[in-house]
Amino acid sequence: NKWFFKHALRKTPRLAEALLSRHEHYNRTLDEIEKLE
């Protein structure tokens, strides 16, 4: 429900974008951790 987050957080669009893209950064970090491991 991306629309809900963008609407509910329309006064803080950078927060909305951080929440909506959080999984991408998190998963890239996990990939890097596994390589380092």
PDB file of all heavy atoms in Angstrom:
ATOM      1  N   ASN A   1       0.814  -1.215   0.000  1.00  0.00           N
ATOM      2  CA  ASN A   1       0.000   0.000   0.000  1.00  0.00           C
ATOM      3  C   ASN A   1       0.855   1.276   0.000  1.00  0.00           C
ATOM      4  O   ASN A   1       0.780   2.105   0.907  1.00  0.00           O
ATOM      5  CB  ASN A   1      -0.973  -0.001   1.182  1.00  0.00           C
ATOM      6  CG  ASN A   1      -2.148   0.909   0.922  1.00  0.00           C
ATOM      7  OD1 ASN A   1      -2.096   1.752   0.025  1.00  0.00           O
ATOM      8  ND2 ASN A   1      -3.191   0.764   1.696  1.00  0.00           N
ATOM      9  N   LYS A   2       1.655   1.421  -1.038  1.00  0.00           N
ATOM     10  CA  LYS A   2       2.535   2.591  -1.163  1.00  0.00           C
ATOM     11  C   LYS A   2       1.746   3.904  -1.154  1.00  0.00           C
ATOM     12  O   LYS A   2       2.199   4.884  -0.600  1.00  0.00           O
ATOM     13  CB  LYS A   2       3.368   2.488  -2.439  1.00  0.00           C
ATOM     14  CG  LYS A   2       4.383   1.388  -2.374  1.00  0.00           C
ATOM     15  CD  LYS A   2       5.183   1.325  -3.658  1.00  0.00           C
ATOM     16  CE  LYS A   2       6.180   0.199  -3.545  1.00  0.00           C
ATOM     17  NZ  LYS A   2       7.079   0.135  -4.670  1.00  0.00           N
ATOM     18  N   TRP A   3       0.589   3.881  -1.780  1.00  0.00           N
ATOM     19  CA  TRP A   3      -0.216   5.106  -1.838  1.00  0.00           C
ATOM     20  C   TRP A   3      -0.502   5.603  -0.438  1.00  0.00           C
ATOM     21  O   TRP A   3      -0.420   6.797  -0.168  1.00  0.00           O
ATOM     22  CB  TRP A   3      -1.526   4.850  -2.581  1.00  0.00           C
ATOM     23  CG  TRP A   3      -2.401   6.070  -2.587  1.00  0.00           C
ATOM     24  CD1 TRP A   3      -2.380   7.075  -3.501  1.00  0.00           C
ATOM     25  CD2 TRP A   3      -3.377   6.430  -1.604  1.00  0.00           C
ATOM     26  NE1 TRP A   3      -3.295   8.044  -3.155  1.00  0.00           N
ATOM     27  CE2 TRP A   3      -3.922   7.674  -1.988  1.00  0.00           C
ATOM     28  CE3 TRP A   3      -3.845   5.844  -0.447  1.00  0.00           C
ATOM     29  CZ2 TRP A   3      -4.905   8.321  -1.249  1.00  0.00           C
ATOM     30  CZ3 TRP A   3      -4.822   6.485   0.282  1.00  0.00           C
ATOM     31  CH2 TRP A   3      -5.348   7.711  -0.124  1.00  0.00           C
ATOM     32  N   PHE A   4      -0.867   4.700   0.488  1.00  0.00           N
ATOM     33  CA  PHE A   4      -1.192   5.096   1.854  1.00  0.00           C
ATOM     34  C   PHE A   4      -0.007   5.807   2.507  1.00  0.00           C
ATOM     35  O   PHE A   4      -0.168   6.866   3.106  1.00  0.00           O
ATOM     36  CB  PHE A   4      -1.596   3.875   2.693  1.00  0.00           C
ATOM     37  CG  PHE A   4      -1.736   4.205   4.157  1.00  0.00           C
ATOM     38  CD1 PHE A   4      -2.866   4.851   4.628  1.00  0.00           C
ATOM     39  CD2 PHE A   4      -0.719   3.902   5.058  1.00  0.00           C
ATOM     40  CE1 PHE A   4      -2.991   5.180   5.973  1.00  0.00           C
ATOM     41  CE2 PHE A   4      -0.837   4.227   6.400  1.00  0.00           C
ATOM     42  CZ  PHE A   4      -1.973   4.862   6.866  1.00  0.00           C
ATOM     43  N   PHE A   5       1.175   5.236   2.392  1.00  0.00           N
ATOM     44  CA  PHE A   5       2.352   5.857   3.008  1.00  0.00           C
ATOM     45  C   PHE A   5       2.642   7.213   2.390  1.00  0.00           C
ATOM     46  O   PHE A   5       2.943   8.177   3.102  1.00  0.00           O
ATOM     47  CB  PHE A   5       3.573   4.936   2.884  1.00  0.00           C
ATOM     48  CG  PHE A   5       3.636   3.925   3.976  1.00  0.00           C
ATOM     49  CD1 PHE A   5       3.044   2.698   3.824  1.00  0.00           C
ATOM     50  CD2 PHE A   5       4.273   4.205   5.170  1.00  0.00           C
ATOM     51  CE1 PHE A   5       3.081   1.753   4.830  1.00  0.00           C
ATOM     52  CE2 PHE A   5       4.320   3.277   6.192  1.00  0.00           C
ATOM     53  CZ  PHE A   5       3.728   2.053   6.027  1.00  0.00           C
ATOM     54  N   LYS A   6       2.565   7.287   1.070  1.00  0.00           N
ATOM     55  CA  LYS A   6       2.832   8.580   0.420  1.00  0.00           C
ATOM     56  C   LYS A   6       1.806   9.627   0.836  1.00  0.00           C
ATOM     57  O   LYS A   6       2.146  10.780   1.052  1.00  0.00           O
ATOM     58  CB  LYS A   6       2.851   8.411  -1.098  1.00  0.00           C
ATOM     59  CG  LYS A   6       4.097   7.702  -1.574  1.00  0.00           C
ATOM     60  CD  LYS A   6       4.123   7.596  -3.080  1.00  0.00           C
ATOM     61  CE  LYS A   6       5.403   6.911  -3.509  1.00  0.00           C
ATOM     62  NZ  LYS A   6       5.551   6.859  -4.945  1.00  0.00           N
ATOM     63  N   HIS A   7       0.557   9.201   0.978  1.00  0.00           N
ATOM     64  CA  HIS A   7      -0.493  10.127   1.385  1.00  0.00           C
ATOM     65  C   HIS A   7      -0.360  10.496   2.862  1.00  0.00           C
ATOM     66  O   HIS A   7      -0.401  11.676   3.224  1.00  0.00           O
ATOM     67  CB  HIS A   7      -1.873   9.532   1.107  1.00  0.00           C
ATOM     68  CG  HIS A   7      -2.994  10.414   1.532  1.00  0.00           C
ATOM     69  ND1 HIS A   7      -3.333  11.566   0.839  1.00  0.00           N
ATOM     70  CD2 HIS A   7      -3.835  10.347   2.589  1.00  0.00           C
ATOM     71  CE1 HIS A   7      -4.343  12.162   1.467  1.00  0.00           C
ATOM     72  NE2 HIS A   7      -4.664  11.441   2.530  1.00  0.00           N
ATOM     73  N   ALA A   8      -0.209   9.496   3.700  1.00  0.00           N
ATOM     74  CA  ALA A   8      -0.140   9.739   5.149  1.00  0.00           C
ATOM     75  C   ALA A   8       1.096  10.557   5.523  1.00  0.00           C
ATOM     76  O   ALA A   8       1.058  11.336   6.482  1.00  0.00           O
ATOM     77  CB  ALA A   8      -0.136   8.412   5.903  1.00  0.00           C
ATOM     78  N   LEU A   9       2.150  10.408   4.763  1.00  0.00           N
ATOM     79  CA  LEU A   9       3.404  11.112   5.068  1.00  0.00           C
ATOM     80  C   LEU A   9       3.722  12.192   4.030  1.00  0.00           C
ATOM     81  O   LEU A   9       4.872  12.528   3.818  1.00  0.00           O
ATOM     82  CB  LEU A   9       4.549  10.090   5.159  1.00  0.00           C
ATOM     83  CG  LEU A   9       4.381   9.023   6.237  1.00  0.00           C
ATOM     84  CD1 LEU A   9       5.457   7.959   6.108  1.00  0.00           C
ATOM     85  CD2 LEU A   9       4.391   9.635   7.625  1.00  0.00           C
ATOM     86  N   ARG A  10       2.681  12.760   3.441  1.00  0.00           N
ATOM     87  CA  ARG A  10       2.900  13.743   2.379  1.00  0.00           C
ATOM     88  C   ARG A  10       3.643  14.984   2.854  1.00  0.00           C
ATOM     89  O   ARG A  10       4.314  15.651   2.074  1.00  0.00           O
ATOM     90  CB  ARG A  10       1.571  14.116   1.721  1.00  0.00           C
ATOM     91  CG  ARG A  10       0.593  14.843   2.601  1.00  0.00           C
ATOM     92  CD  ARG A  10      -0.769  15.029   1.909  1.00  0.00           C
ATOM     93  NE  ARG A  10      -1.768  15.531   2.807  1.00  0.00           N
ATOM     94  CZ  ARG A  10      -2.471  14.783   3.660  1.00  0.00           C
ATOM     95  NH1 ARG A  10      -2.280  13.485   3.704  1.00  0.00           N
ATOM     96  NH2 ARG A  10      -3.358  15.336   4.458  1.00  0.00           N
ATOM     97  N   LYS A  11       3.566  15.282   4.155  1.00  0.00           N
ATOM     98  CA  LYS A  11       4.298  16.441   4.681  1.00  0.00           C
ATOM     99  C   LYS A  11       5.763  16.113   4.950  1.00  0.00           C
ATOM    100  O   LYS A  11       6.568  17.011   5.180  1.00  0.00           O
ATOM    101  CB  LYS A  11       3.636  16.952   5.962  1.00  0.00           C
ATOM    102  CG  LYS A  11       2.265  17.544   5.720  1.00  0.00           C
ATOM    103  CD  LYS A  11       1.671  18.091   6.985  1.00  0.00           C
ATOM    104  CE  LYS A  11       0.281  18.667   6.701  1.00  0.00           C
ATOM    105  NZ  LYS A  11      -0.341  19.192   7.914  1.00  0.00           N
ATOM    106  N   THR A  12       6.079  14.831   4.934  1.00  0.00           N
ATOM    107  CA  THR A  12       7.464  14.388   5.126  1.00  0.00           C
ATOM    108  C   THR A  12       7.802  13.370   4.030  1.00  0.00           C
ATOM    109  O   THR A  12       7.970  12.174   4.294  1.00  0.00           O
ATOM    110  CB  THR A  12       7.665  13.749   6.522  1.00  0.00           C
ATOM    111  OG1 THR A  12       6.677  12.732   6.712  1.00  0.00           O
ATOM    112  CG2 THR A  12       7.563  14.786   7.626  1.00  0.00           C
ATOM    113  N   PRO A  13       7.911  13.842   2.790  1.00  0.00           N
ATOM    114  CA  PRO A  13       8.116  12.920   1.666  1.00  0.00           C
ATOM    115  C   PRO A  13       9.425  12.134   1.746  1.00  0.00           C
ATOM    116  O   PRO A  13       9.493  11.000   1.278  1.00  0.00           O
ATOM    117  CB  PRO A  13       8.087  13.830   0.439  1.00  0.00           C
ATOM    118  CG  PRO A  13       8.359  15.199   0.959  1.00  0.00           C
ATOM    119  CD  PRO A  13       7.831  15.234   2.357  1.00  0.00           C
ATOM    120  N   ARG A  14      10.448  12.704   2.363  1.00  0.00           N
ATOM    121  CA  ARG A  14      11.715  11.962   2.488  1.00  0.00           C
ATOM    122  C   ARG A  14      11.554  10.780   3.448  1.00  0.00           C
ATOM    123  O   ARG A  14      12.153   9.729   3.253  1.00  0.00           O
ATOM    124  CB  ARG A  14      12.836  12.892   2.909  1.00  0.00           C
ATOM    125  CG  ARG A  14      13.185  13.844   1.759  1.00  0.00           C
ATOM    126  CD  ARG A  14      14.187  14.900   2.077  1.00  0.00           C
ATOM    127  NE  ARG A  14      15.354  14.430   2.785  1.00  0.00           N
ATOM    128  CZ  ARG A  14      16.199  15.234   3.410  1.00  0.00           C
ATOM    129  NH1 ARG A  14      16.007  16.543   3.393  1.00  0.00           N
ATOM    130  NH2 ARG A  14      17.240  14.749   4.037  1.00  0.00           N
ATOM    131  N   LEU A  15      10.736  10.949   4.474  1.00  0.00           N
ATOM    132  CA  LEU A  15      10.452   9.843   5.382  1.00  0.00           C
ATOM    133  C   LEU A  15       9.672   8.755   4.643  1.00  0.00           C
ATOM    134  O   LEU A  15       9.976   7.571   4.747  1.00  0.00           O
ATOM    135  CB  LEU A  15       9.667  10.316   6.603  1.00  0.00           C
ATOM    136  CG  LEU A  15       9.142   9.221   7.537  1.00  0.00           C
ATOM    137  CD1 LEU A  15      10.282   8.359   8.069  1.00  0.00           C
ATOM    138  CD2 LEU A  15       8.351   9.845   8.679  1.00  0.00           C
ATOM    139  N   ALA A  16       8.669   9.173   3.879  1.00  0.00           N
ATOM    140  CA  ALA A  16       7.882   8.203   3.106  1.00  0.00           C
ATOM    141  C   ALA A  16       8.791   7.419   2.169  1.00  0.00           C
ATOM    142  O   ALA A  16       8.708   6.181   2.097  1.00  0.00           O
ATOM    143  CB  ALA A  16       6.787   8.915   2.320  1.00  0.00           C
ATOM    144  N   GLU A  17       9.670   8.112   1.464  1.00  0.00           N
ATOM    145  CA  GLU A  17      10.573   7.439   0.537  1.00  0.00           C
ATOM    146  C   GLU A  17      11.535   6.510   1.270  1.00  0.00           C
ATOM    147  O   GLU A  17      11.816   5.405   0.813  1.00  0.00           O
ATOM    148  CB  GLU A  17      11.364   8.458  -0.300  1.00  0.00           C
ATOM    149  CG  GLU A  17      12.210   7.833  -1.373  1.00  0.00           C
ATOM    150  CD  GLU A  17      11.449   6.884  -2.289  1.00  0.00           C
ATOM    151  OE1 GLU A  17      10.310   7.181  -2.673  1.00  0.00           O
ATOM    152  OE2 GLU A  17      12.008   5.817  -2.614  1.00  0.00           O
ATOM    153  N   ALA A  18      12.033   6.930   2.425  1.00  0.00           N
ATOM    154  CA  ALA A  18      12.930   6.072   3.215  1.00  0.00           C
ATOM    155  C   ALA A  18      12.214   4.786   3.625  1.00  0.00           C
ATOM    156  O   ALA A  18      12.782   3.696   3.549  1.00  0.00           O
ATOM    157  CB  ALA A  18      13.445   6.823   4.438  1.00  0.00           C
ATOM    158  N   LEU A  19      10.972   4.910   4.062  1.00  0.00           N
ATOM    159  CA  LEU A  19      10.211   3.722   4.468  1.00  0.00           C
ATOM    160  C   LEU A  19       9.904   2.809   3.276  1.00  0.00           C
ATOM    161  O   LEU A  19       9.994   1.591   3.378  1.00  0.00           O
ATOM    162  CB  LEU A  19       8.907   4.136   5.157  1.00  0.00           C
ATOM    163  CG  LEU A  19       9.065   4.720   6.558  1.00  0.00           C
ATOM    164  CD1 LEU A  19       7.761   5.346   7.026  1.00  0.00           C
ATOM    165  CD2 LEU A  19       9.537   3.658   7.536  1.00  0.00           C
ATOM    166  N   LEU A  20       9.574   3.424   2.148  1.00  0.00           N
ATOM    167  CA  LEU A  20       9.205   2.637   0.975  1.00  0.00           C
ATOM    168  C   LEU A  20      10.402   1.952   0.319  1.00  0.00           C
ATOM    169  O   LEU A  20      10.246   0.931  -0.344  1.00  0.00           O
ATOM    170  CB  LEU A  20       8.472   3.517  -0.039  1.00  0.00           C
ATOM    171  CG  LEU A  20       7.092   3.992   0.415  1.00  0.00           C
ATOM    172  CD1 LEU A  20       6.530   5.033  -0.547  1.00  0.00           C
ATOM    173  CD2 LEU A  20       6.136   2.817   0.561  1.00  0.00           C
ATOM    174  N   SER A  21      11.586   2.500   0.505  1.00  0.00           N
ATOM    175  CA  SER A  21      12.776   1.883  -0.097  1.00  0.00           C
ATOM    176  C   SER A  21      13.645   1.159   0.932  1.00  0.00           C
ATOM    177  O   SER A  21      14.695   0.632   0.594  1.00  0.00           O
ATOM    178  CB  SER A  21      13.603   2.947  -0.818  1.00  0.00           C
ATOM    179  OG  SER A  21      14.101   3.902   0.103  1.00  0.00           O
ATOM    180  N   ARG A  22      13.190   1.132   2.163  1.00  0.00           N
ATOM    181  CA  ARG A  22      13.972   0.527   3.242  1.00  0.00           C
ATOM    182  C   ARG A  22      14.372  -0.910   2.936  1.00  0.00           C
ATOM    183  O   ARG A  22      15.496  -1.335   3.189  1.00  0.00           O
ATOM    184  CB  ARG A  22      13.162   0.586   4.541  1.00  0.00           C
ATOM    185  CG  ARG A  22      13.886   0.054   5.733  1.00  0.00           C
ATOM    186  CD  ARG A  22      13.075   0.354   7.004  1.00  0.00           C
ATOM    187  NE  ARG A  22      13.710  -0.280   8.131  1.00  0.00           N
ATOM    188  CZ  ARG A  22      13.133  -1.175   8.918  1.00  0.00           C
ATOM    189  NH1 ARG A  22      11.880  -1.495   8.716  1.00  0.00           N
ATOM    190  NH2 ARG A  22      13.785  -1.715   9.903  1.00  0.00           N
ATOM    191  N   HIS A  23      13.466  -1.687   2.369  1.00  0.00           N
ATOM    192  CA  HIS A  23      13.761  -3.088   2.068  1.00  0.00           C
ATOM    193  C   HIS A  23      14.922  -3.231   1.083  1.00  0.00           C
ATOM    194  O   HIS A  23      15.711  -4.167   1.187  1.00  0.00           O
ATOM    195  CB  HIS A  23      12.509  -3.798   1.538  1.00  0.00           C
ATOM    196  CG  HIS A  23      12.086  -3.336   0.184  1.00  0.00           C
ATOM    197  ND1 HIS A  23      11.469  -2.121  -0.035  1.00  0.00           N
ATOM    198  CD2 HIS A  23      12.215  -3.919  -1.023  1.00  0.00           C
ATOM    199  CE1 HIS A  23      11.228  -1.983  -1.325  1.00  0.00           C
ATOM    200  NE2 HIS A  23      11.671  -3.054  -1.943  1.00  0.00           N
ATOM    201  N   GLU A  24      15.043  -2.304   0.148  1.00  0.00           N
ATOM    202  CA  GLU A  24      16.121  -2.389  -0.848  1.00  0.00           C
ATOM    203  C   GLU A  24      17.487  -2.211  -0.184  1.00  0.00           C
ATOM    204  O   GLU A  24      18.412  -2.985  -0.424  1.00  0.00           O
ATOM    205  CB  GLU A  24      15.912  -1.337  -1.939  1.00  0.00           C
ATOM    206  CG  GLU A  24      14.670  -1.574  -2.762  1.00  0.00           C
ATOM    207  CD  GLU A  24      14.303  -0.380  -3.632  1.00  0.00           C
ATOM    208  OE1 GLU A  24      15.019   0.648  -3.595  1.00  0.00           O
ATOM    209  OE2 GLU A  24      13.286  -0.479  -4.340  1.00  0.00           O
ATOM    210  N   HIS A  25      17.605  -1.183   0.648  1.00  0.00           N
ATOM    211  CA  HIS A  25      18.868  -0.932   1.352  1.00  0.00           C
ATOM    212  C   HIS A  25      19.177  -2.088   2.301  1.00  0.00           C
ATOM    213  O   HIS A  25      20.315  -2.566   2.370  1.00  0.00           O
ATOM    214  CB  HIS A  25      18.787   0.395   2.119  1.00  0.00           C
ATOM    215  CG  HIS A  25      20.017   0.706   2.896  1.00  0.00           C
ATOM    216  ND1 HIS A  25      21.209   1.049   2.300  1.00  0.00           N
ATOM    217  CD2 HIS A  25      20.260   0.692   4.229  1.00  0.00           C
ATOM    218  CE1 HIS A  25      22.130   1.239   3.231  1.00  0.00           C
ATOM    219  NE2 HIS A  25      21.572   1.024   4.416  1.00  0.00           N
ATOM    220  N   TYR A  26      18.179  -2.544   3.027  1.00  0.00           N
ATOM    221  CA  TYR A  26      18.343  -3.643   3.982  1.00  0.00           C
ATOM    222  C   TYR A  26      18.836  -4.896   3.269  1.00  0.00           C
ATOM    223  O   TYR A  26      19.801  -5.547   3.709  1.00  0.00           O
ATOM    224  CB  TYR A  26      16.999  -3.900   4.663  1.00  0.00           C
ATOM    225  CG  TYR A  26      17.019  -4.934   5.755  1.00  0.00           C
ATOM    226  CD1 TYR A  26      17.297  -4.579   7.069  1.00  0.00           C
ATOM    227  CD2 TYR A  26      16.728  -6.265   5.487  1.00  0.00           C
ATOM    228  CE1 TYR A  26      17.293  -5.518   8.091  1.00  0.00           C
ATOM    229  CE2 TYR A  26      16.724  -7.205   6.499  1.00  0.00           C
ATOM    230  CZ  TYR A  26      17.006  -6.831   7.797  1.00  0.00           C
ATOM    231  OH  TYR A  26      17.003  -7.765   8.792  1.00  0.00           O
ATOM    232  N   ASN A  27      18.213  -5.236   2.151  1.00  0.00           N
ATOM    233  CA  ASN A  27      18.591  -6.446   1.425  1.00  0.00           C
ATOM    234  C   ASN A  27      19.974  -6.330   0.793  1.00  0.00           C
ATOM    235  O   ASN A  27      20.730  -7.309   0.767  1.00  0.00           O
ATOM    236  CB  ASN A  27      17.527  -6.804   0.388  1.00  0.00           C
ATOM    237  CG  ASN A  27      16.222  -7.210   1.042  1.00  0.00           C
ATOM    238  OD1 ASN A  27      16.178  -7.582   2.210  1.00  0.00           O
ATOM    239  ND2 ASN A  27      15.138  -7.128   0.299  1.00  0.00           N
ATOM    240  N   ARG A  28      20.333  -5.149   0.300  1.00  0.00           N
ATOM    241  CA  ARG A  28      21.695  -4.944  -0.233  1.00  0.00           C
ATOM    242  C   ARG A  28      22.726  -5.121   0.881  1.00  0.00           C
ATOM    243  O   ARG A  28      23.788  -5.705   0.676  1.00  0.00           O
ATOM    244  CB  ARG A  28      21.833  -3.553  -0.851  1.00  0.00           C
ATOM    245  CG  ARG A  28      21.334  -3.444  -2.272  1.00  0.00           C
ATOM    246  CD  ARG A  28      21.811  -2.164  -2.952  1.00  0.00           C
ATOM    247  NE  ARG A  28      21.502  -0.960  -2.217  1.00  0.00           N
ATOM    248  CZ  ARG A  28      20.374  -0.263  -2.326  1.00  0.00           C
ATOM    249  NH1 ARG A  28      19.420  -0.665  -3.151  1.00  0.00           N
ATOM    250  NH2 ARG A  28      20.190   0.833  -1.633  1.00  0.00           N
ATOM    251  N   THR A  29      22.387  -4.616   2.065  1.00  0.00           N
ATOM    252  CA  THR A  29      23.291  -4.758   3.209  1.00  0.00           C
ATOM    253  C   THR A  29      23.459  -6.229   3.570  1.00  0.00           C
ATOM    254  O   THR A  29      24.581  -6.684   3.836  1.00  0.00           O
ATOM    255  CB  THR A  29      22.781  -3.954   4.416  1.00  0.00           C
ATOM    256  OG1 THR A  29      22.659  -2.577   4.036  1.00  0.00           O
ATOM    257  CG2 THR A  29      23.715  -4.070   5.598  1.00  0.00           C
ATOM    258  N   LEU A  30      22.378  -6.989   3.561  1.00  0.00           N
ATOM    259  CA  LEU A  30      22.474  -8.426   3.841  1.00  0.00           C
ATOM    260  C   LEU A  30      23.330  -9.134   2.801  1.00  0.00           C
ATOM    261  O   LEU A  30      24.129 -10.024   3.142  1.00  0.00           O
ATOM    262  CB  LEU A  30      21.088  -9.064   3.905  1.00  0.00           C
ATOM    263  CG  LEU A  30      20.250  -8.718   5.134  1.00  0.00           C
ATOM    264  CD1 LEU A  30      18.858  -9.320   5.002  1.00  0.00           C
ATOM    265  CD2 LEU A  30      20.916  -9.197   6.409  1.00  0.00           C
ATOM    266  N   ASP A  31      23.200  -8.751   1.540  1.00  0.00           N
ATOM    267  CA  ASP A  31      24.039  -9.337   0.493  1.00  0.00           C
ATOM    268  C   ASP A  31      25.516  -9.050   0.776  1.00  0.00           C
ATOM    269  O   ASP A  31      26.366  -9.938   0.648  1.00  0.00           O
ATOM    270  CB  ASP A  31      23.660  -8.778  -0.886  1.00  0.00           C
ATOM    271  CG  ASP A  31      22.285  -9.228  -1.365  1.00  0.00           C
ATOM    272  OD1 ASP A  31      21.753 -10.225  -0.827  1.00  0.00           O
ATOM    273  OD2 ASP A  31      21.746  -8.564  -2.266  1.00  0.00           O
ATOM    274  N   GLU A  32      25.821  -7.829   1.146  1.00  0.00           N
ATOM    275  CA  GLU A  32      27.203  -7.445   1.461  1.00  0.00           C
ATOM    276  C   GLU A  32      27.719  -8.207   2.678  1.00  0.00           C
ATOM    277  O   GLU A  32      28.861  -8.663   2.695  1.00  0.00           O
ATOM    278  CB  GLU A  32      27.291  -5.935   1.701  1.00  0.00           C
ATOM    279  CG  GLU A  32      28.683  -5.441   2.018  1.00  0.00           C
ATOM    280  CD  GLU A  32      29.681  -5.623   0.891  1.00  0.00           C
ATOM    281  OE1 GLU A  32      29.276  -5.750  -0.291  1.00  0.00           O
ATOM    282  OE2 GLU A  32      30.892  -5.644   1.188  1.00  0.00           O
ATOM    283  N   ILE A  33      26.887  -8.358   3.682  1.00  0.00           N
ATOM    284  CA  ILE A  33      27.269  -9.107   4.886  1.00  0.00           C
ATOM    285  C   ILE A  33      27.620 -10.542   4.514  1.00  0.00           C
ATOM    286  O   ILE A  33      28.644 -11.080   4.964  1.00  0.00           O
ATOM    287  CB  ILE A  33      26.136  -9.068   5.935  1.00  0.00           C
ATOM    288  CG1 ILE A  33      26.040  -7.667   6.540  1.00  0.00           C
ATOM    289  CG2 ILE A  33      26.356 -10.116   7.027  1.00  0.00           C
ATOM    290  CD1 ILE A  33      24.770  -7.426   7.334  1.00  0.00           C
ATOM    291  N   GLU A  34      26.811 -11.168   3.679  1.00  0.00           N
ATOM    292  CA  GLU A  34      27.081 -12.552   3.296  1.00  0.00           C
ATOM    293  C   GLU A  34      28.384 -12.667   2.513  1.00  0.00           C
ATOM    294  O   GLU A  34      29.137 -13.625   2.692  1.00  0.00           O
ATOM    295  CB  GLU A  34      25.890 -13.135   2.538  1.00  0.00           C
ATOM    296  CG  GLU A  34      24.701 -13.363   3.472  1.00  0.00           C
ATOM    297  CD  GLU A  34      23.465 -13.912   2.791  1.00  0.00           C
ATOM    298  OE1 GLU A  34      23.512 -14.225   1.580  1.00  0.00           O
ATOM    299  OE2 GLU A  34      22.433 -14.039   3.487  1.00  0.00           O
ATOM    300  N   LYS A  35      28.693 -11.684   1.671  1.00  0.00           N
ATOM    301  CA  LYS A  35      29.973 -11.685   0.937  1.00  0.00           C
ATOM    302  C   LYS A  35      31.148 -11.546   1.907  1.00  0.00           C
ATOM    303  O   LYS A  35      32.145 -12.253   1.788  1.00  0.00           O
ATOM    304  CB  LYS A  35      29.999 -10.553  -0.092  1.00  0.00           C
ATOM    305  CG  LYS A  35      29.109 -10.785  -1.278  1.00  0.00           C
ATOM    306  CD  LYS A  35      29.136  -9.586  -2.207  1.00  0.00           C
ATOM    307  CE  LYS A  35      28.072  -9.708  -3.277  1.00  0.00           C
ATOM    308  NZ  LYS A  35      27.951  -8.476  -4.062  1.00  0.00           N
ATOM    309  N   LEU A  36      31.024 -10.612   2.857  1.00  0.00           N
ATOM    310  CA  LEU A  36      32.083 -10.420   3.844  1.00  0.00           C
ATOM    311  C   LEU A  36      32.261 -11.664   4.705  1.00  0.00           C
ATOM    312  O   LEU A  36      33.388 -12.046   5.045  1.00  0.00           O
ATOM    313  CB  LEU A  36      31.774  -9.207   4.732  1.00  0.00           C
ATOM    314  CG  LEU A  36      31.846  -7.847   4.068  1.00  0.00           C
ATOM    315  CD1 LEU A  36      31.261  -6.773   4.984  1.00  0.00           C
ATOM    316  CD2 LEU A  36      33.284  -7.509   3.692  1.00  0.00           C
ATOM    317  N   GLU A  37      31.156 -12.293   5.022  1.00  0.00           N
ATOM    318  CA  GLU A  37      31.187 -13.511   5.838  1.00  0.00           C
ATOM    319  C   GLU A  37      31.919 -14.632   5.097  1.00  0.00           C
ATOM    320  O   GLU A  37      32.754 -15.327   5.678  1.00  0.00           O
ATOM    321  CB  GLU A  37      29.749 -13.908   6.168  1.00  0.00           C
ATOM    322  CG  GLU A  37      29.609 -14.889   7.284  1.00  0.00           C
ATOM    323  CD  GLU A  37      28.150 -15.132   7.646  1.00  0.00           C
ATOM    324  OE1 GLU A  37      27.232 -14.759   6.875  1.00  0.00           O
ATOM    325  OE2 GLU A  37      27.934 -15.709   8.716  1.00  0.00           O
TER     326      GLU A  37
END
